[in-house]
Amino acid sequence: MLTIQILDKVSVLPYLLMLAPGLRHPLLGGEDDAAQIVLGATFWGQPAGVAIAYRGADSARLLDIYVLPSYRQAGIGRALLAAVEEACRLAGKSRVQALYCPNEQTPAFEALLVKEGWAAPLVRSRVYWTSCSAGYDGWAQRYRFRAPYEPVLWAEISEAERQVIARRGEGGWYPPHLDPLTRPTGDWDPKTSLGLRYKGEVVGWLLTLREAPDQIRVEIMFVDPPLQRLGRGILLICEMIRRYCNDGEYAGGCNEHCYWRVDAANEGMIRWSQRSFPGRFTDEYEEWYTEKILDP
């Protein structure tokens, strides 16, 4: 007999090893996250599969779905997916999305999604990973800003400067997805999120999110278009890496990692990433995307 149930931080324990490693730790600490949907499948009383999703403002994201090999081909994955979709629908979400990296289980996963009415998967982005152990000491020290350029911590950008950034953004200076003001200042990592001034005016930014003590994600990077051709973007990355690798609070031996995503259609940024970091990527891969519009 198949049963699907909502899991909390206690009842999820028999299912933890079925989840991707990065999803396990958040389930064990603190209070249950109300935006999180965790479902477990039992087959004749035995844990057989698990699914986890996260509800955003307008949509939800399917983070993982897994069925133990001995229980596959019994409709458990389909039942878990239907339960996730129903939970998202009841929460008022108009769509559910999935962003994933291909592996040996991907063909079965994609076949399930397409069969259940999801859009055909497509390449969404390319992800680049590097670390402080990739030989940045001399490289990052060599490429530094000089006056009249002034890199500063993002938290030091004044309210007046933020207002100017907002007004220029309304005029089309930068695309909406590179808007640095969509999050409160306190959300960005305080040690590695930077602004760039040129002759006293803010002309760029690089904003990061700390996902673990030894891992940050570069979320947004923008430099005034005329300065992009002068290589100021790579200098901004160098400044971030230099501070990240040298900061005593975060130092962990040279094990600190950072990564960023590039839209698959942004061929220029992909070329830039590959050209600017020769031999310094610890990993790079494609991320695939699909979604399903939920019935009201």
C-alpha atoms as a PDB file:
ATOM      1  CA  MET A   1       0.000   0.000   0.000  1.00  0.00           C
ATOM      2  CA  LEU A   2       1.360   3.416  -0.995  1.00  0.00           C
ATOM      3  CA  THR A   3       1.071   6.379   1.382  1.00  0.00           C
ATOM      4  CA  ILE A   4       2.283   9.958   0.846  1.00  0.00           C
ATOM      5  CA  GLN A   5       2.767  12.112   3.941  1.00  0.00           C
ATOM      6  CA  ILE A   6       4.111  15.545   4.818  1.00  0.00           C
ATOM      7  CA  LEU A   7       7.408  15.288   6.688  1.00  0.00           C
ATOM      8  CA  ASP A   8       8.787  17.494   9.439  1.00  0.00           C
ATOM      9  CA  LYS A   9      12.323  17.620  10.858  1.00  0.00           C
ATOM     10  CA  VAL A  10      11.639  14.491  12.927  1.00  0.00           C
ATOM     11  CA  SER A  11       9.693  12.311  10.509  1.00  0.00           C
ATOM     12  CA  VAL A  12      12.128  13.184   7.672  1.00  0.00           C
ATOM     13  CA  LEU A  13      15.015  11.325   9.331  1.00  0.00           C
ATOM     14  CA  PRO A  14      14.448   7.928   7.616  1.00  0.00           C
ATOM     15  CA  TYR A  15      14.430   9.743   4.249  1.00  0.00           C
ATOM     16  CA  LEU A  16      17.493  11.977   4.616  1.00  0.00           C
ATOM     17  CA  LEU A  17      19.928   9.762   2.735  1.00  0.00           C
ATOM     18  CA  MET A  18      17.577   9.759  -0.248  1.00  0.00           C
ATOM     19  CA  LEU A  19      18.043  13.521  -0.651  1.00  0.00           C
ATOM     20  CA  ALA A  20      20.931  15.335  -2.322  1.00  0.00           C
ATOM     21  CA  PRO A  21      23.599  16.213   0.298  1.00  0.00           C
ATOM     22  CA  GLY A  22      23.029  19.958   0.017  1.00  0.00           C
ATOM     23  CA  LEU A  23      19.367  19.548   0.965  1.00  0.00           C
ATOM     24  CA  ARG A  24      19.897  17.488   4.113  1.00  0.00           C
ATOM     25  CA  HIS A  25      21.467  19.969   6.501  1.00  0.00           C
ATOM     26  CA  PRO A  26      18.701  22.649   6.343  1.00  0.00           C
ATOM     27  CA  LEU A  27      16.130  20.003   7.297  1.00  0.00           C
ATOM     28  CA  LEU A  28      17.928  19.229  10.540  1.00  0.00           C
ATOM     29  CA  GLY A  29      18.370  22.671  12.057  1.00  0.00           C
ATOM     30  CA  GLY A  30      16.012  25.169  13.669  1.00  0.00           C
ATOM     31  CA  GLU A  31      12.295  25.405  13.118  1.00  0.00           C
ATOM     32  CA  ASP A  32      10.452  23.894  10.168  1.00  0.00           C
ATOM     33  CA  ASP A  33      10.458  26.269   7.177  1.00  0.00           C
ATOM     34  CA  ALA A  34       6.845  27.071   6.279  1.00  0.00           C
ATOM     35  CA  ALA A  35       7.822  27.677   2.630  1.00  0.00           C
ATOM     36  CA  GLN A  36       9.291  24.206   2.316  1.00  0.00           C
ATOM     37  CA  ILE A  37       7.324  21.184   1.135  1.00  0.00           C
ATOM     38  CA  VAL A  38       8.808  17.813   2.103  1.00  0.00           C
ATOM     39  CA  LEU A  39       6.861  14.674   1.208  1.00  0.00           C
ATOM     40  CA  GLY A  40       7.717  11.077   1.976  1.00  0.00           C
ATOM     41  CA  ALA A  41       6.353   7.952   0.305  1.00  0.00           C
ATOM     42  CA  THR A  42       5.984   4.705   2.206  1.00  0.00           C
ATOM     43  CA  PHE A  43       5.213   1.402   0.506  1.00  0.00           C
ATOM     44  CA  TRP A  44       3.709  -1.160   2.856  1.00  0.00           C
ATOM     45  CA  GLY A  45       5.079   0.842   5.764  1.00  0.00           C
ATOM     46  CA  GLN A  46       8.642   1.167   4.457  1.00  0.00           C
ATOM     47  CA  PRO A  47      10.231   4.491   3.352  1.00  0.00           C
ATOM     48  CA  ALA A  48      10.387   4.263  -0.427  1.00  0.00           C
ATOM     49  CA  GLY A  49      10.799   7.780  -1.809  1.00  0.00           C
ATOM     50  CA  VAL A  50      10.939  11.475  -1.047  1.00  0.00           C
ATOM     51  CA  ALA A  51      10.290  14.815  -2.739  1.00  0.00           C
ATOM     52  CA  ILE A  52      11.138  18.340  -1.669  1.00  0.00           C
ATOM     53  CA  ALA A  53       9.983  21.674  -3.091  1.00  0.00           C
ATOM     54  CA  TYR A  54      10.172  25.304  -2.043  1.00  0.00           C
ATOM     55  CA  ARG A  55       7.378  27.847  -2.379  1.00  0.00           C
ATOM     56  CA  GLY A  56       8.409  31.257  -3.669  1.00  0.00           C
ATOM     57  CA  ALA A  57       6.315  34.400  -4.066  1.00  0.00           C
ATOM     58  CA  ASP A  58       4.483  33.380  -7.246  1.00  0.00           C
ATOM     59  CA  SER A  59       5.875  29.968  -8.096  1.00  0.00           C
ATOM     60  CA  ALA A  60       7.401  26.901  -6.470  1.00  0.00           C
ATOM     61  CA  ARG A  61      10.568  25.007  -7.284  1.00  0.00           C
ATOM     62  CA  LEU A  62      10.930  21.251  -7.264  1.00  0.00           C
ATOM     63  CA  LEU A  63      14.302  20.696  -5.588  1.00  0.00           C
ATOM     64  CA  ASP A  64      14.542  16.917  -5.561  1.00  0.00           C
ATOM     65  CA  ILE A  65      12.520  13.759  -6.078  1.00  0.00           C
ATOM     66  CA  TYR A  66      13.925  10.295  -5.471  1.00  0.00           C
ATOM     67  CA  VAL A  67      12.644   6.723  -5.256  1.00  0.00           C
ATOM     68  CA  LEU A  68      14.753   3.854  -3.946  1.00  0.00           C
ATOM     69  CA  PRO A  69      15.785   1.514  -6.793  1.00  0.00           C
ATOM     70  CA  SER A  70      13.924  -1.473  -5.333  1.00  0.00           C
ATOM     71  CA  TYR A  71      10.640   0.468  -5.401  1.00  0.00           C
ATOM     72  CA  ARG A  72      10.853   1.932  -8.899  1.00  0.00           C
ATOM     73  CA  GLN A  73       8.390   1.150 -11.690  1.00  0.00           C
ATOM     74  CA  ALA A  74       5.568   1.092  -9.116  1.00  0.00           C
ATOM     75  CA  GLY A  75       4.197   4.608  -9.713  1.00  0.00           C
ATOM     76  CA  ILE A  76       5.774   6.077  -6.585  1.00  0.00           C
ATOM     77  CA  GLY A  77       7.638   8.851  -8.403  1.00  0.00           C
ATOM     78  CA  ARG A  78       4.463   9.824 -10.228  1.00  0.00           C
ATOM     79  CA  ALA A  79       2.505   9.885  -6.952  1.00  0.00           C
ATOM     80  CA  LEU A  80       5.144  12.049  -5.258  1.00  0.00           C
ATOM     81  CA  LEU A  81       5.198  14.481  -8.178  1.00  0.00           C
ATOM     82  CA  ALA A  82       1.390  14.736  -8.169  1.00  0.00           C
ATOM     83  CA  ALA A  83       1.448  15.394  -4.413  1.00  0.00           C
ATOM     84  CA  VAL A  84       4.036  18.156  -4.830  1.00  0.00           C
ATOM     85  CA  GLU A  85       1.980  19.791  -7.583  1.00  0.00           C
ATOM     86  CA  GLU A  86      -1.179  19.606  -5.476  1.00  0.00           C
ATOM     87  CA  ALA A  87       0.563  21.115  -2.441  1.00  0.00           C
ATOM     88  CA  CYS A  88       1.843  23.975  -4.596  1.00  0.00           C
ATOM     89  CA  ARG A  89      -1.580  24.499  -6.133  1.00  0.00           C
ATOM     90  CA  LEU A  90      -3.259  24.623  -2.717  1.00  0.00           C
ATOM     91  CA  ALA A  91      -0.637  27.185  -1.652  1.00  0.00           C
ATOM     92  CA  GLY A  92      -1.800  29.431  -4.516  1.00  0.00           C
ATOM     93  CA  LYS A  93       1.206  28.970  -6.795  1.00  0.00           C
ATOM     94  CA  SER A  94       0.612  29.329 -10.521  1.00  0.00           C
ATOM     95  CA  ARG A  95       3.567  27.221 -11.639  1.00  0.00           C
ATOM     96  CA  VAL A  96       6.190  24.804 -10.399  1.00  0.00           C
ATOM     97  CA  GLN A  97       9.712  24.833 -11.818  1.00  0.00           C
ATOM     98  CA  ALA A  98      12.744  22.548 -11.783  1.00  0.00           C
ATOM     99  CA  LEU A  99      16.383  23.477 -12.302  1.00  0.00           C
ATOM    100  CA  TYR A 100      18.775  20.540 -12.308  1.00  0.00           C
ATOM    101  CA  CYS A 101      22.139  19.168 -13.421  1.00  0.00           C
ATOM    102  CA  PRO A 102      22.066  16.071 -15.633  1.00  0.00           C
ATOM    103  CA  ASN A 103      23.258  12.778 -14.133  1.00  0.00           C
ATOM    104  CA  GLU A 104      22.597   9.082 -14.610  1.00  0.00           C
ATOM    105  CA  GLN A 105      19.058   9.460 -13.238  1.00  0.00           C
ATOM    106  CA  THR A 106      18.126  12.375 -15.496  1.00  0.00           C
ATOM    107  CA  PRO A 107      16.515  10.396 -18.374  1.00  0.00           C
ATOM    108  CA  ALA A 108      13.981   8.788 -16.016  1.00  0.00           C
ATOM    109  CA  PHE A 109      13.372  12.097 -14.243  1.00  0.00           C
ATOM    110  CA  GLU A 110      12.772  13.980 -17.493  1.00  0.00           C
ATOM    111  CA  ALA A 111      10.554  11.218 -18.855  1.00  0.00           C
ATOM    112  CA  LEU A 112       8.400  11.457 -15.727  1.00  0.00           C
ATOM    113  CA  LEU A 113       8.082  15.236 -15.961  1.00  0.00           C
ATOM    114  CA  VAL A 114       7.206  15.266 -19.652  1.00  0.00           C
ATOM    115  CA  LYS A 115       4.660  12.471 -19.143  1.00  0.00           C
ATOM    116  CA  GLU A 116       2.997  14.550 -16.425  1.00  0.00           C
ATOM    117  CA  GLY A 117       2.656  17.635 -18.629  1.00  0.00           C
ATOM    118  CA  TRP A 118       5.841  19.552 -17.874  1.00  0.00           C
ATOM    119  CA  ALA A 119       7.518  21.586 -20.606  1.00  0.00           C
ATOM    120  CA  ALA A 120      10.330  20.008 -22.609  1.00  0.00           C
ATOM    121  CA  PRO A 121      13.601  20.597 -20.701  1.00  0.00           C
ATOM    122  CA  LEU A 122      16.113  23.092 -22.071  1.00  0.00           C
ATOM    123  CA  VAL A 123      19.537  24.374 -21.081  1.00  0.00           C
ATOM    124  CA  ARG A 124      19.029  27.354 -18.772  1.00  0.00           C
ATOM    125  CA  SER A 125      22.526  28.274 -17.611  1.00  0.00           C
ATOM    126  CA  ARG A 126      26.153  27.294 -17.280  1.00  0.00           C
ATOM    127  CA  VAL A 127      27.702  27.126 -13.832  1.00  0.00           C
ATOM    128  CA  TYR A 128      31.356  27.829 -13.041  1.00  0.00           C
ATOM    129  CA  TRP A 129      33.057  26.851  -9.772  1.00  0.00           C
ATOM    130  CA  THR A 130      36.434  27.943  -8.498  1.00  0.00           C
ATOM    131  CA  SER A 131      38.216  27.958  -5.143  1.00  0.00           C
ATOM    132  CA  CYS A 132      41.001  29.710  -3.304  1.00  0.00           C
ATOM    133  CA  SER A 133      43.188  26.677  -3.933  1.00  0.00           C
ATOM    134  CA  ALA A 134      43.142  27.395  -7.694  1.00  0.00           C
ATOM    135  CA  GLY A 135      46.263  29.589  -7.548  1.00  0.00           C
ATOM    136  CA  TYR A 136      44.796  33.063  -7.004  1.00  0.00           C
ATOM    137  CA  ASP A 137      47.453  34.517  -4.715  1.00  0.00           C
ATOM    138  CA  GLY A 138      49.605  36.129  -7.378  1.00  0.00           C
ATOM    139  CA  TRP A 139      46.810  36.480  -9.926  1.00  0.00           C
ATOM    140  CA  ALA A 140      44.427  38.406  -7.676  1.00  0.00           C
ATOM    141  CA  GLN A 141      47.226  40.472  -6.191  1.00  0.00           C
ATOM    142  CA  ARG A 142      48.456  41.492  -9.645  1.00  0.00           C
ATOM    143  CA  TYR A 143      45.106  42.660 -11.021  1.00  0.00           C
ATOM    144  CA  ARG A 144      44.121  45.539  -8.746  1.00  0.00           C
ATOM    145  CA  PHE A 145      42.190  48.753  -9.219  1.00  0.00           C
ATOM    146  CA  ARG A 146      44.071  52.007  -9.228  1.00  0.00           C
ATOM    147  CA  ALA A 147      42.802  55.566  -8.787  1.00  0.00           C
ATOM    148  CA  PRO A 148      40.417  57.002  -9.826  1.00  0.00           C
ATOM    149  CA  TYR A 149      38.720  53.593  -9.337  1.00  0.00           C
ATOM    150  CA  GLU A 150      37.703  52.756  -5.772  1.00  0.00           C
ATOM    151  CA  PRO A 151      36.295  49.325  -4.823  1.00  0.00           C
ATOM    152  CA  VAL A 152      34.308  49.486  -1.575  1.00  0.00           C
ATOM    153  CA  LEU A 153      32.129  47.146   0.428  1.00  0.00           C
ATOM    154  CA  TRP A 154      28.542  47.271  -0.780  1.00  0.00           C
ATOM    155  CA  ALA A 155      27.401  48.148   2.744  1.00  0.00           C
ATOM    156  CA  GLU A 156      29.409  51.386   2.445  1.00  0.00           C
ATOM    157  CA  ILE A 157      27.421  52.628  -0.558  1.00  0.00           C
ATOM    158  CA  SER A 158      25.384  55.575   0.733  1.00  0.00           C
ATOM    159  CA  GLU A 159      21.637  55.971   0.556  1.00  0.00           C
ATOM    160  CA  ALA A 160      22.090  58.896  -1.830  1.00  0.00           C
ATOM    161  CA  GLU A 161      24.153  56.679  -4.137  1.00  0.00           C
ATOM    162  CA  ARG A 162      21.492  53.976  -3.990  1.00  0.00           C
ATOM    163  CA  GLN A 163      18.863  56.470  -5.045  1.00  0.00           C
ATOM    164  CA  VAL A 164      20.988  57.453  -8.042  1.00  0.00           C
ATOM    165  CA  ILE A 165      21.393  53.765  -8.946  1.00  0.00           C
ATOM    166  CA  ALA A 166      17.619  53.278  -8.737  1.00  0.00           C
ATOM    167  CA  ARG A 167      16.899  56.290 -10.962  1.00  0.00           C
ATOM    168  CA  ARG A 168      19.454  55.217 -13.545  1.00  0.00           C
ATOM    169  CA  GLY A 169      18.036  51.718 -13.481  1.00  0.00           C
ATOM    170  CA  GLU A 170      14.589  53.083 -14.288  1.00  0.00           C
ATOM    171  CA  GLY A 171      16.214  54.726 -17.294  1.00  0.00           C
ATOM    172  CA  GLY A 172      17.570  51.401 -18.541  1.00  0.00           C
ATOM    173  CA  TRP A 173      21.173  51.672 -17.352  1.00  0.00           C
ATOM    174  CA  TYR A 174      21.167  48.003 -16.309  1.00  0.00           C
ATOM    175  CA  PRO A 175      18.694  45.163 -16.972  1.00  0.00           C
ATOM    176  CA  PRO A 176      16.212  44.314 -14.187  1.00  0.00           C
ATOM    177  CA  HIS A 177      17.894  41.009 -13.314  1.00  0.00           C
ATOM    178  CA  LEU A 178      21.100  42.922 -12.445  1.00  0.00           C
ATOM    179  CA  ASP A 179      19.330  45.355 -10.128  1.00  0.00           C
ATOM    180  CA  PRO A 180      21.372  45.478  -6.890  1.00  0.00           C
ATOM    181  CA  LEU A 181      18.487  46.905  -4.866  1.00  0.00           C
ATOM    182  CA  THR A 182      16.091  43.960  -5.091  1.00  0.00           C
ATOM    183  CA  ARG A 183      17.389  42.649  -1.747  1.00  0.00           C
ATOM    184  CA  PRO A 184      18.062  44.484   1.517  1.00  0.00           C
ATOM    185  CA  THR A 185      21.715  45.347   1.998  1.00  0.00           C
ATOM    186  CA  GLY A 186      21.935  42.929   4.924  1.00  0.00           C
ATOM    187  CA  ASP A 187      21.123  39.956   2.687  1.00  0.00           C
ATOM    188  CA  TRP A 188      24.377  40.257   0.764  1.00  0.00           C
ATOM    189  CA  ASP A 189      27.588  38.800   2.152  1.00  0.00           C
ATOM    190  CA  PRO A 190      29.205  41.730   4.011  1.00  0.00           C
ATOM    191  CA  LYS A 191      32.813  40.718   3.304  1.00  0.00           C
ATOM    192  CA  THR A 192      32.710  40.000  -0.432  1.00  0.00           C
ATOM    193  CA  SER A 193      29.848  42.106  -1.818  1.00  0.00           C
ATOM    194  CA  LEU A 194      31.407  45.137  -3.476  1.00  0.00           C
ATOM    195  CA  GLY A 195      30.557  48.408  -5.151  1.00  0.00           C
ATOM    196  CA  LEU A 196      32.857  50.181  -7.608  1.00  0.00           C
ATOM    197  CA  ARG A 197      33.242  53.949  -7.712  1.00  0.00           C
ATOM    198  CA  TYR A 198      34.880  55.839 -10.577  1.00  0.00           C
ATOM    199  CA  LYS A 199      35.708  59.474  -9.887  1.00  0.00           C
ATOM    200  CA  GLY A 200      33.304  59.317  -6.952  1.00  0.00           C
ATOM    201  CA  GLU A 201      30.371  57.839  -8.893  1.00  0.00           C
ATOM    202  CA  VAL A 202      29.117  54.270  -8.522  1.00  0.00           C
ATOM    203  CA  VAL A 203      29.722  52.488 -11.828  1.00  0.00           C
ATOM    204  CA  GLY A 204      29.403  48.834 -10.889  1.00  0.00           C
ATOM    205  CA  TRP A 205      28.806  46.166  -8.280  1.00  0.00           C
ATOM    206  CA  LEU A 206      29.440  42.521  -7.500  1.00  0.00           C
ATOM    207  CA  LEU A 207      27.052  41.003  -4.959  1.00  0.00           C
ATOM    208  CA  THR A 208      27.427  37.626  -3.305  1.00  0.00           C
ATOM    209  CA  LEU A 209      25.388  35.331  -1.073  1.00  0.00           C
ATOM    210  CA  ARG A 210      27.036  33.137   1.544  1.00  0.00           C
ATOM    211  CA  GLU A 211      25.602  29.643   1.363  1.00  0.00           C
ATOM    212  CA  ALA A 212      28.035  28.040   3.828  1.00  0.00           C
ATOM    213  CA  PRO A 213      31.086  29.150   5.835  1.00  0.00           C
ATOM    214  CA  ASP A 214      33.309  28.081   2.935  1.00  0.00           C
ATOM    215  CA  GLN A 215      31.026  28.756  -0.032  1.00  0.00           C
ATOM    216  CA  ILE A 216      29.669  31.872  -1.706  1.00  0.00           C
ATOM    217  CA  ARG A 217      27.599  32.426  -4.816  1.00  0.00           C
ATOM    218  CA  VAL A 218      28.162  35.406  -7.073  1.00  0.00           C
ATOM    219  CA  GLU A 219      24.576  36.502  -7.608  1.00  0.00           C
ATOM    220  CA  ILE A 220      24.903  39.797  -9.507  1.00  0.00           C
ATOM    221  CA  MET A 221      27.753  41.490 -11.351  1.00  0.00           C
ATOM    222  CA  PHE A 222      27.423  44.667 -13.375  1.00  0.00           C
ATOM    223  CA  VAL A 223      29.883  47.245 -14.688  1.00  0.00           C
ATOM    224  CA  ASP A 224      28.985  50.343 -16.691  1.00  0.00           C
ATOM    225  CA  PRO A 225      29.035  49.152 -20.357  1.00  0.00           C
ATOM    226  CA  PRO A 226      31.824  51.501 -21.529  1.00  0.00           C
ATOM    227  CA  LEU A 227      34.032  50.148 -18.732  1.00  0.00           C
ATOM    228  CA  GLN A 228      33.283  46.509 -19.509  1.00  0.00           C
ATOM    229  CA  ARG A 229      35.486  46.697 -22.585  1.00  0.00           C
ATOM    230  CA  LEU A 230      38.344  47.910 -20.354  1.00  0.00           C
ATOM    231  CA  GLY A 231      38.284  44.713 -18.287  1.00  0.00           C
ATOM    232  CA  ARG A 232      36.880  46.303 -15.149  1.00  0.00           C
ATOM    233  CA  GLY A 233      34.611  43.300 -14.597  1.00  0.00           C
ATOM    234  CA  ILE A 234      37.541  40.917 -14.222  1.00  0.00           C
ATOM    235  CA  LEU A 235      39.215  43.363 -11.825  1.00  0.00           C
ATOM    236  CA  LEU A 236      36.061  43.402  -9.722  1.00  0.00           C
ATOM    237  CA  ILE A 237      36.078  39.590  -9.611  1.00  0.00           C
ATOM    238  CA  CYS A 238      39.773  39.693  -8.632  1.00  0.00           C
ATOM    239  CA  GLU A 239      39.048  42.122  -5.827  1.00  0.00           C
ATOM    240  CA  MET A 240      36.291  39.866  -4.491  1.00  0.00           C
ATOM    241  CA  ILE A 241      38.452  36.732  -4.665  1.00  0.00           C
ATOM    242  CA  ARG A 242      41.399  38.495  -3.015  1.00  0.00           C
ATOM    243  CA  ARG A 243      39.252  39.599  -0.099  1.00  0.00           C
ATOM    244  CA  TYR A 244      37.545  36.222   0.140  1.00  0.00           C
ATOM    245  CA  CYS A 245      40.733  34.179   0.193  1.00  0.00           C
ATOM    246  CA  ASN A 246      42.614  36.519   2.528  1.00  0.00           C
ATOM    247  CA  ASP A 247      39.901  37.243   5.082  1.00  0.00           C
ATOM    248  CA  GLY A 248      40.740  35.532   8.359  1.00  0.00           C
ATOM    249  CA  GLU A 249      37.110  35.094   9.405  1.00  0.00           C
ATOM    250  CA  TYR A 250      36.378  32.855   6.439  1.00  0.00           C
ATOM    251  CA  ALA A 251      39.794  31.268   5.962  1.00  0.00           C
ATOM    252  CA  GLY A 252      39.516  27.510   5.948  1.00  0.00           C
ATOM    253  CA  GLY A 253      42.815  26.352   4.585  1.00  0.00           C
ATOM    254  CA  CYS A 254      42.250  27.228   0.859  1.00  0.00           C
ATOM    255  CA  ASN A 255      39.002  25.275   0.759  1.00  0.00           C
ATOM    256  CA  GLU A 256      36.786  28.305   0.182  1.00  0.00           C
ATOM    257  CA  HIS A 257      34.639  27.932  -2.928  1.00  0.00           C
ATOM    258  CA  CYS A 258      32.686  30.376  -5.037  1.00  0.00           C
ATOM    259  CA  TYR A 259      30.567  29.950  -8.129  1.00  0.00           C
ATOM    260  CA  TRP A 260      28.369  31.838 -10.554  1.00  0.00           C
ATOM    261  CA  ARG A 261      25.740  31.114 -13.193  1.00  0.00           C
ATOM    262  CA  VAL A 262      25.685  32.458 -16.738  1.00  0.00           C
ATOM    263  CA  ASP A 263      22.535  32.403 -18.836  1.00  0.00           C
ATOM    264  CA  ALA A 264      22.923  29.885 -21.655  1.00  0.00           C
ATOM    265  CA  ALA A 265      22.028  32.585 -24.206  1.00  0.00           C
ATOM    266  CA  ASN A 266      24.714  34.957 -22.902  1.00  0.00           C
ATOM    267  CA  GLU A 267      27.502  33.751 -25.185  1.00  0.00           C
ATOM    268  CA  GLY A 268      29.643  36.788 -24.452  1.00  0.00           C
ATOM    269  CA  MET A 269      29.661  36.141 -20.693  1.00  0.00           C
ATOM    270  CA  ILE A 270      30.353  32.443 -21.258  1.00  0.00           C
ATOM    271  CA  ARG A 271      33.363  33.316 -23.424  1.00  0.00           C
ATOM    272  CA  TRP A 272      34.470  35.864 -20.839  1.00  0.00           C
ATOM    273  CA  SER A 273      34.294  33.328 -18.011  1.00  0.00           C
ATOM    274  CA  GLN A 274      36.259  30.718 -19.926  1.00  0.00           C
ATOM    275  CA  ARG A 275      38.855  33.183 -21.193  1.00  0.00           C
ATOM    276  CA  SER A 276      39.367  34.982 -17.884  1.00  0.00           C
ATOM    277  CA  PHE A 277      39.860  31.903 -15.676  1.00  0.00           C
ATOM    278  CA  PRO A 278      42.036  29.492 -17.692  1.00  0.00           C
ATOM    279  CA  GLY A 279      42.776  26.393 -15.651  1.00  0.00           C
ATOM    280  CA  ARG A 280      41.125  27.812 -12.537  1.00  0.00           C
ATOM    281  CA  PHE A 281      37.697  26.170 -12.640  1.00  0.00           C
ATOM    282  CA  THR A 282      37.237  23.300 -10.223  1.00  0.00           C
ATOM    283  CA  ASP A 283      33.981  22.366 -11.958  1.00  0.00           C
ATOM    284  CA  GLU A 284      31.681  23.599 -14.718  1.00  0.00           C
ATOM    285  CA  TYR A 285      28.422  22.167 -15.969  1.00  0.00           C
ATOM    286  CA  GLU A 286      25.077  22.945 -17.567  1.00  0.00           C
ATOM    287  CA  GLU A 287      21.832  23.446 -15.666  1.00  0.00           C
ATOM    288  CA  TRP A 288      18.585  22.389 -17.296  1.00  0.00           C
ATOM    289  CA  TYR A 289      15.166  23.921 -16.719  1.00  0.00           C
ATOM    290  CA  THR A 290      11.560  22.875 -17.085  1.00  0.00           C
ATOM    291  CA  GLU A 291       8.235  24.011 -15.627  1.00  0.00           C
ATOM    292  CA  LYS A 292       4.557  23.232 -15.404  1.00  0.00           C
ATOM    293  CA  ILE A 293       1.683  25.701 -15.312  1.00  0.00           C
ATOM    294  CA  LEU A 294      -0.703  24.602 -12.588  1.00  0.00           C
ATOM    295  CA  ASP A 295      -4.445  24.592 -13.060  1.00  0.00           C
ATOM    296  CA  PRO A 296      -6.225  27.086 -10.788  1.00  0.00           C
END
